Amino acid sequence: MKYVALLRGIGPSNPNMRNEKLRELFQKLGFQNVQTVISTGNVLFESPSRAVKALETTIEQAIQKRLGFTSTTIIRSHNQMRRLAAADDLFGGFEDTPTTRLNVTFLK
C-alpha cells in the first residue's frame, strides 16, 4: 500500500524535524520508497500493512522516542489523496483566488 503521512507540528528549524531525519526514521521502521515533500512534514511511503491506526501509532511513538518531539500523525492512502485531488466540485463552486483561500484540513 502507498501512503501519505501528514505529520503535524513540523518545523525545519529543529534539526530533528528535517527531511533527512524523517526519511531515516521511516526507513528504520521498515517502510519502503520513503520520500519527503519539501519541508512540509508530509512523508510518502509504502507498507504492506493496511492497519492505518497502528501505523499512525507506530510513527508517533518512534518520533517521540528517536527524535525527541511529539507529532500527531495522520495517514491517508495514495488512492484517497488522488480521489481528493481529482474531485470536481470539492468546494461547492468556490474558487481559490488571490483574495480567497480554499484549504483541505485532515483530521484523525
Protein backbone atom coordinates (compact mmCIF):
# COMPACT_ATOMS: atom_id res chain seq x y z
CA MET A 1 0.00 0.00 0.00
CA LYS A 2 1.13 3.53 -0.78
CA TYR A 3 0.53 6.09 1.94
CA VAL A 4 0.99 9.73 2.84
CA ALA A 5 1.84 10.50 6.46
CA LEU A 6 0.83 14.04 7.40
CA LEU A 7 2.98 14.96 10.40
CA ARG A 8 1.67 17.91 12.40
CA GLY A 9 3.88 20.46 14.13
CA ILE A 10 6.93 20.03 11.89
CA GLY A 11 9.33 22.96 11.58
CA PRO A 12 12.59 22.72 9.63
CA SER A 13 14.38 24.96 12.13
CA ASN A 14 14.52 21.96 14.50
CA PRO A 15 17.34 19.68 13.29
CA ASN A 16 15.39 16.56 14.30
CA MET A 17 12.44 17.62 12.13
CA ARG A 18 14.40 17.90 8.90
CA ASN A 19 13.62 15.74 5.90
CA GLU A 20 16.70 13.54 6.15
CA LYS A 21 15.89 12.63 9.77
CA LEU A 22 12.26 11.90 8.93
CA ARG A 23 13.22 9.73 5.93
CA GLU A 24 15.76 7.84 8.02
CA LEU A 25 13.19 7.21 10.76
CA PHE A 26 10.60 5.86 8.31
CA GLN A 27 13.21 3.63 6.67
CA LYS A 28 14.29 2.25 10.08
CA LEU A 29 10.63 1.44 10.76
CA GLY A 30 10.78 -0.83 7.70
CA PHE A 31 8.81 1.31 5.25
CA GLN A 32 9.79 1.29 1.59
CA ASN A 33 10.15 4.01 -1.06
CA VAL A 34 10.22 6.75 1.57
CA GLN A 35 10.11 10.31 0.25
CA THR A 36 9.58 13.64 1.98
CA VAL A 37 7.78 16.60 0.42
CA ILE A 38 9.87 19.75 0.75
CA SER A 39 9.77 20.88 4.42
CA THR A 40 6.09 20.17 4.96
CA GLY A 41 6.20 17.22 7.34
CA ASN A 42 4.50 15.12 4.68
CA VAL A 43 6.09 11.73 4.06
CA LEU A 44 5.27 9.34 1.22
CA PHE A 45 5.95 5.68 1.94
CA GLU A 46 4.89 2.13 1.21
CA SER A 47 3.97 -0.58 3.68
CA PRO A 48 2.28 -3.97 3.34
CA SER A 49 0.16 -3.10 6.39
CA ARG A 50 -3.42 -1.93 5.96
CA ALA A 51 -3.79 -1.14 9.69
CA VAL A 52 -3.69 2.67 9.39
CA LYS A 53 -4.30 3.41 13.08
CA ALA A 54 -1.49 1.05 14.07
CA LEU A 55 0.83 2.72 11.54
CA GLU A 56 -0.06 6.15 12.96
CA THR A 57 0.67 4.98 16.50
CA THR A 58 3.95 3.34 15.48
CA ILE A 59 5.15 6.51 13.74
CA GLU A 60 4.09 8.81 16.59
CA GLN A 61 5.86 6.65 19.19
CA ALA A 62 9.03 6.39 17.07
CA ILE A 63 9.15 10.16 16.54
CA GLN A 64 8.86 10.73 20.30
CA LYS A 65 11.41 8.07 21.21
CA ARG A 66 14.01 8.55 18.47
CA LEU A 67 13.70 12.22 17.52
CA GLY A 68 12.53 13.68 20.83
CA PHE A 69 9.41 15.60 19.85
CA THR A 70 5.68 15.00 19.69
CA SER A 71 3.85 14.99 16.37
CA THR A 72 0.34 13.89 15.56
CA THR A 73 0.42 11.61 12.53
CA ILE A 74 -2.47 11.39 10.10
CA ILE A 75 -2.23 8.74 7.38
CA ARG A 76 -4.18 8.66 4.15
CA SER A 77 -3.74 6.20 1.33
CA HIS A 78 -2.34 7.26 -2.01
CA ASN A 79 -5.72 6.41 -3.57
CA GLN A 80 -7.60 8.59 -1.08
CA MET A 81 -5.34 11.54 -1.89
CA ARG A 82 -5.71 11.00 -5.65
CA ARG A 83 -9.51 10.93 -5.36
CA LEU A 84 -9.43 14.13 -3.31
CA ALA A 85 -7.22 15.89 -5.87
CA ALA A 86 -9.46 14.73 -8.72
CA ALA A 87 -12.72 15.85 -7.10
CA ASP A 88 -14.55 18.19 -9.47
CA ASP A 89 -16.57 20.29 -7.06
CA LEU A 90 -14.80 19.87 -3.75
CA PHE A 91 -15.57 23.43 -2.62
CA GLY A 92 -19.13 23.82 -3.87
CA GLY A 93 -18.32 26.21 -6.69
CA PHE A 94 -15.98 28.47 -4.71
CA GLU A 95 -12.62 29.19 -6.34
CA ASP A 96 -9.16 29.72 -4.93
CA THR A 97 -8.25 33.31 -5.87
CA PRO A 98 -5.82 36.00 -4.70
CA THR A 99 -8.48 37.24 -2.26
CA THR A 100 -9.78 33.86 -1.05
CA ARG A 101 -8.06 30.70 0.08
CA LEU A 102 -9.53 27.23 -0.04
CA ASN A 103 -7.90 24.62 2.19
CA VAL A 104 -8.44 20.99 2.99
CA THR A 105 -7.93 20.01 6.63
CA PHE A 106 -7.25 16.43 7.61
CA LEU A 107 -8.49 15.11 10.93
CA LYS A 108 -7.81 11.79 12.61
